[in-house]
């Protein structure tokens, strides 16, 4: 119980830290993940269902994030030419610029110093990877 509770609490700590850095940019971590996923995609766009699969979130959460990103001019929706019924979310030039700024902030103030030395980080990363694999997270 103590281990699971500690991991869950640490997730809340990291999420709060990330959201504090992203808030001045008009993003939450959930929306940052969508923007980054789109920016890394080959064409800069993905079907909404694929976003949900890759981020492991439900359709309503994808729709909510894309709605908000679209309202900010960071993402646009367009019909999926490969599927007449489907919709693609596509990152805009403004979205790419903001993704770059947000990533710089995250790298500098969230991802860079976790308070552990390199060997301890490697041990932690390996242990978490083992737990994620056992839970089927890498399927």
C-alpha atoms as a PDB file:
ATOM      1  CA  UNK A   1       0.000   0.000   0.000  1.00  0.00           C
ATOM      2  CA  UNK A   2       2.749   2.471   0.890  1.00  0.00           C
ATOM      3  CA  UNK A   3       4.507   1.984  -2.452  1.00  0.00           C
ATOM      4  CA  UNK A   4       1.366   2.405  -4.550  1.00  0.00           C
ATOM      5  CA  UNK A   5       0.268   5.416  -2.502  1.00  0.00           C
ATOM      6  CA  UNK A   6       3.716   7.006  -2.901  1.00  0.00           C
ATOM      7  CA  UNK A   7       3.674   6.501  -6.675  1.00  0.00           C
ATOM      8  CA  UNK A   8       0.171   7.954  -6.933  1.00  0.00           C
ATOM      9  CA  UNK A   9       1.114  10.951  -4.790  1.00  0.00           C
ATOM     10  CA  UNK A  10       4.275  11.556  -6.809  1.00  0.00           C
ATOM     11  CA  UNK A  11       2.192  11.524 -10.005  1.00  0.00           C
ATOM     12  CA  UNK A  12       0.081  14.311  -8.483  1.00  0.00           C
ATOM     13  CA  UNK A  13       3.226  16.263  -7.551  1.00  0.00           C
ATOM     14  CA  UNK A  14       4.664  16.004 -11.067  1.00  0.00           C
ATOM     15  CA  UNK A  15       1.337  16.861 -12.682  1.00  0.00           C
ATOM     16  CA  UNK A  16       0.965  19.958 -10.480  1.00  0.00           C
ATOM     17  CA  UNK A  17       4.517  21.028 -11.360  1.00  0.00           C
ATOM     18  CA  UNK A  18       3.853  20.536 -15.074  1.00  0.00           C
ATOM     19  CA  UNK A  19       0.532  22.366 -14.976  1.00  0.00           C
ATOM     20  CA  UNK A  20       2.148  25.291 -13.130  1.00  0.00           C
ATOM     21  CA  UNK A  21       4.668  25.670 -15.965  1.00  0.00           C
ATOM     22  CA  UNK A  22       2.097  25.222 -18.714  1.00  0.00           C
ATOM     23  CA  UNK A  23      -0.667  27.411 -17.262  1.00  0.00           C
ATOM     24  CA  UNK A  24       0.976  30.731 -18.306  1.00  0.00           C
ATOM     25  CA  UNK A  25       1.059  29.345 -21.861  1.00  0.00           C
ATOM     26  CA  UNK A  26      -2.647  28.536 -21.762  1.00  0.00           C
ATOM     27  CA  UNK A  27      -2.110  24.775 -21.581  1.00  0.00           C
ATOM     28  CA  UNK A  28      -2.723  21.918 -19.204  1.00  0.00           C
ATOM     29  CA  UNK A  29      -0.548  18.825 -19.268  1.00  0.00           C
ATOM     30  CA  UNK A  30      -3.354  16.899 -21.003  1.00  0.00           C
ATOM     31  CA  UNK A  31      -3.513  19.472 -23.814  1.00  0.00           C
ATOM     32  CA  UNK A  32       0.278  19.635 -23.993  1.00  0.00           C
ATOM     33  CA  UNK A  33       0.322  15.876 -24.600  1.00  0.00           C
ATOM     34  CA  UNK A  34      -2.112  16.246 -27.504  1.00  0.00           C
ATOM     35  CA  UNK A  35      -0.135  19.094 -29.079  1.00  0.00           C
ATOM     36  CA  UNK A  36       3.121  17.178 -28.723  1.00  0.00           C
ATOM     37  CA  UNK A  37       1.622  13.997 -30.148  1.00  0.00           C
ATOM     38  CA  UNK A  38       0.416  15.935 -33.186  1.00  0.00           C
ATOM     39  CA  UNK A  39       3.743  17.734 -33.558  1.00  0.00           C
ATOM     40  CA  UNK A  40       5.593  14.393 -33.593  1.00  0.00           C
ATOM     41  CA  UNK A  41       3.224  12.783 -36.089  1.00  0.00           C
ATOM     42  CA  UNK A  42       4.466  12.482 -39.663  1.00  0.00           C
ATOM     43  CA  UNK A  43       1.776  14.685 -41.186  1.00  0.00           C
ATOM     44  CA  UNK A  44       1.050  16.848 -38.142  1.00  0.00           C
ATOM     45  CA  UNK A  45      -2.391  15.313 -37.870  1.00  0.00           C
ATOM     46  CA  UNK A  46      -4.055  12.222 -36.459  1.00  0.00           C
ATOM     47  CA  UNK A  47      -7.554  10.778 -36.238  1.00  0.00           C
ATOM     48  CA  UNK A  48      -9.194  11.609 -32.918  1.00  0.00           C
ATOM     49  CA  UNK A  49      -9.493   7.906 -32.102  1.00  0.00           C
ATOM     50  CA  UNK A  50      -5.757   7.407 -32.651  1.00  0.00           C
ATOM     51  CA  UNK A  51      -5.020  10.276 -30.238  1.00  0.00           C
ATOM     52  CA  UNK A  52      -7.099   8.516 -27.598  1.00  0.00           C
ATOM     53  CA  UNK A  53      -5.341   5.197 -28.221  1.00  0.00           C
ATOM     54  CA  UNK A  54      -1.861   6.658 -28.063  1.00  0.00           C
ATOM     55  CA  UNK A  55      -2.509   8.754 -24.963  1.00  0.00           C
ATOM     56  CA  UNK A  56      -4.691   6.084 -23.365  1.00  0.00           C
ATOM     57  CA  UNK A  57      -7.592   8.454 -22.777  1.00  0.00           C
ATOM     58  CA  UNK A  58     -11.282   8.138 -23.573  1.00  0.00           C
ATOM     59  CA  UNK A  59     -13.047   9.748 -26.529  1.00  0.00           C
ATOM     60  CA  UNK A  60     -14.687  12.434 -24.381  1.00  0.00           C
ATOM     61  CA  UNK A  61     -11.303  13.546 -23.046  1.00  0.00           C
ATOM     62  CA  UNK A  62      -9.882  13.718 -26.575  1.00  0.00           C
ATOM     63  CA  UNK A  63     -12.851  15.748 -27.759  1.00  0.00           C
ATOM     64  CA  UNK A  64     -12.581  18.121 -24.796  1.00  0.00           C
ATOM     65  CA  UNK A  65      -8.837  18.676 -25.309  1.00  0.00           C
ATOM     66  CA  UNK A  66      -9.189  19.176 -29.066  1.00  0.00           C
ATOM     67  CA  UNK A  67     -12.132  21.572 -28.537  1.00  0.00           C
ATOM     68  CA  UNK A  68     -10.018  23.727 -26.233  1.00  0.00           C
ATOM     69  CA  UNK A  69      -6.936  23.574 -28.448  1.00  0.00           C
ATOM     70  CA  UNK A  70      -9.042  24.482 -31.462  1.00  0.00           C
ATOM     71  CA  UNK A  71     -10.536  27.470 -29.600  1.00  0.00           C
ATOM     72  CA  UNK A  72      -6.950  28.640 -28.937  1.00  0.00           C
ATOM     73  CA  UNK A  73      -6.015  28.292 -32.610  1.00  0.00           C
ATOM     74  CA  UNK A  74      -3.462  25.564 -31.837  1.00  0.00           C
ATOM     75  CA  UNK A  75      -5.286  22.736 -33.605  1.00  0.00           C
ATOM     76  CA  UNK A  76      -7.825  22.494 -36.415  1.00  0.00           C
ATOM     77  CA  UNK A  77     -10.283  19.746 -37.248  1.00  0.00           C
ATOM     78  CA  UNK A  78     -10.686  18.472 -40.776  1.00  0.00           C
ATOM     79  CA  UNK A  79     -12.326  15.489 -42.439  1.00  0.00           C
ATOM     80  CA  UNK A  80     -10.188  12.373 -42.637  1.00  0.00           C
ATOM     81  CA  UNK A  81      -9.593  11.752 -46.362  1.00  0.00           C
ATOM     82  CA  UNK A  82      -8.961   8.066 -45.631  1.00  0.00           C
ATOM     83  CA  UNK A  83     -12.250   7.677 -43.763  1.00  0.00           C
ATOM     84  CA  UNK A  84     -15.240   9.744 -44.835  1.00  0.00           C
ATOM     85  CA  UNK A  85     -16.790   9.545 -41.377  1.00  0.00           C
ATOM     86  CA  UNK A  86     -13.704  10.309 -39.322  1.00  0.00           C
ATOM     87  CA  UNK A  87     -12.105  13.545 -38.208  1.00  0.00           C
ATOM     88  CA  UNK A  88      -8.456  14.509 -38.012  1.00  0.00           C
ATOM     89  CA  UNK A  89      -6.950  16.920 -35.520  1.00  0.00           C
ATOM     90  CA  UNK A  90      -4.104  18.885 -37.124  1.00  0.00           C
ATOM     91  CA  UNK A  91      -1.582  21.094 -35.383  1.00  0.00           C
ATOM     92  CA  UNK A  92      -1.362  24.665 -36.650  1.00  0.00           C
ATOM     93  CA  UNK A  93       1.774  26.789 -37.064  1.00  0.00           C
ATOM     94  CA  UNK A  94       0.748  28.625 -33.894  1.00  0.00           C
ATOM     95  CA  UNK A  95       0.417  25.254 -32.161  1.00  0.00           C
ATOM     96  CA  UNK A  96       3.928  24.229 -33.232  1.00  0.00           C
ATOM     97  CA  UNK A  97       5.393  27.488 -31.917  1.00  0.00           C
ATOM     98  CA  UNK A  98       3.618  27.063 -28.588  1.00  0.00           C
ATOM     99  CA  UNK A  99       4.664  23.406 -28.386  1.00  0.00           C
ATOM    100  CA  UNK A 100       8.296  24.491 -28.768  1.00  0.00           C
ATOM    101  CA  UNK A 101       7.948  27.120 -26.029  1.00  0.00           C
ATOM    102  CA  UNK A 102       6.137  24.710 -23.733  1.00  0.00           C
ATOM    103  CA  UNK A 103       8.739  21.985 -24.273  1.00  0.00           C
ATOM    104  CA  UNK A 104      11.538  24.394 -23.404  1.00  0.00           C
ATOM    105  CA  UNK A 105       9.740  25.284 -20.158  1.00  0.00           C
ATOM    106  CA  UNK A 106       9.067  21.633 -19.347  1.00  0.00           C
ATOM    107  CA  UNK A 107      12.642  20.559 -20.101  1.00  0.00           C
ATOM    108  CA  UNK A 108      14.095  23.399 -18.054  1.00  0.00           C
ATOM    109  CA  UNK A 109      11.835  23.380 -15.013  1.00  0.00           C
ATOM    110  CA  UNK A 110      10.054  20.021 -14.829  1.00  0.00           C
ATOM    111  CA  UNK A 111      12.048  17.246 -16.514  1.00  0.00           C
ATOM    112  CA  UNK A 112      15.609  18.343 -15.765  1.00  0.00           C
ATOM    113  CA  UNK A 113      16.117  17.932 -12.019  1.00  0.00           C
ATOM    114  CA  UNK A 114      14.131  15.328 -10.157  1.00  0.00           C
ATOM    115  CA  UNK A 115      16.436  15.382  -7.156  1.00  0.00           C
ATOM    116  CA  UNK A 116      18.151  12.049  -7.900  1.00  0.00           C
ATOM    117  CA  UNK A 117      21.578  11.309  -9.298  1.00  0.00           C
ATOM    118  CA  UNK A 118      21.971   9.430 -12.587  1.00  0.00           C
ATOM    119  CA  UNK A 119      22.353   5.916 -11.118  1.00  0.00           C
ATOM    120  CA  UNK A 120      19.295   6.405  -8.897  1.00  0.00           C
ATOM    121  CA  UNK A 121      17.282   7.718 -11.852  1.00  0.00           C
ATOM    122  CA  UNK A 122      18.286   4.683 -13.939  1.00  0.00           C
ATOM    123  CA  UNK A 123      17.263   2.315 -11.146  1.00  0.00           C
ATOM    124  CA  UNK A 124      13.922   4.072 -10.716  1.00  0.00           C
ATOM    125  CA  UNK A 125      13.272   4.166 -14.471  1.00  0.00           C
ATOM    126  CA  UNK A 126      14.058   0.460 -14.800  1.00  0.00           C
ATOM    127  CA  UNK A 127      11.812  -0.466 -11.861  1.00  0.00           C
ATOM    128  CA  UNK A 128       8.926   1.598 -13.211  1.00  0.00           C
ATOM    129  CA  UNK A 129       9.418   0.089 -16.664  1.00  0.00           C
ATOM    130  CA  UNK A 130       9.204  -3.383 -15.165  1.00  0.00           C
ATOM    131  CA  UNK A 131       5.934  -2.493 -13.400  1.00  0.00           C
ATOM    132  CA  UNK A 132       4.483  -0.946 -16.568  1.00  0.00           C
ATOM    133  CA  UNK A 133       5.390  -3.991 -18.665  1.00  0.00           C
ATOM    134  CA  UNK A 134       3.836  -6.307 -16.085  1.00  0.00           C
ATOM    135  CA  UNK A 135       0.657  -4.201 -16.262  1.00  0.00           C
ATOM    136  CA  UNK A 136       0.556  -4.485 -20.066  1.00  0.00           C
ATOM    137  CA  UNK A 137       1.367  -0.820 -20.674  1.00  0.00           C
ATOM    138  CA  UNK A 138       3.829  -1.578 -23.491  1.00  0.00           C
ATOM    139  CA  UNK A 139       1.583  -3.870 -25.522  1.00  0.00           C
END
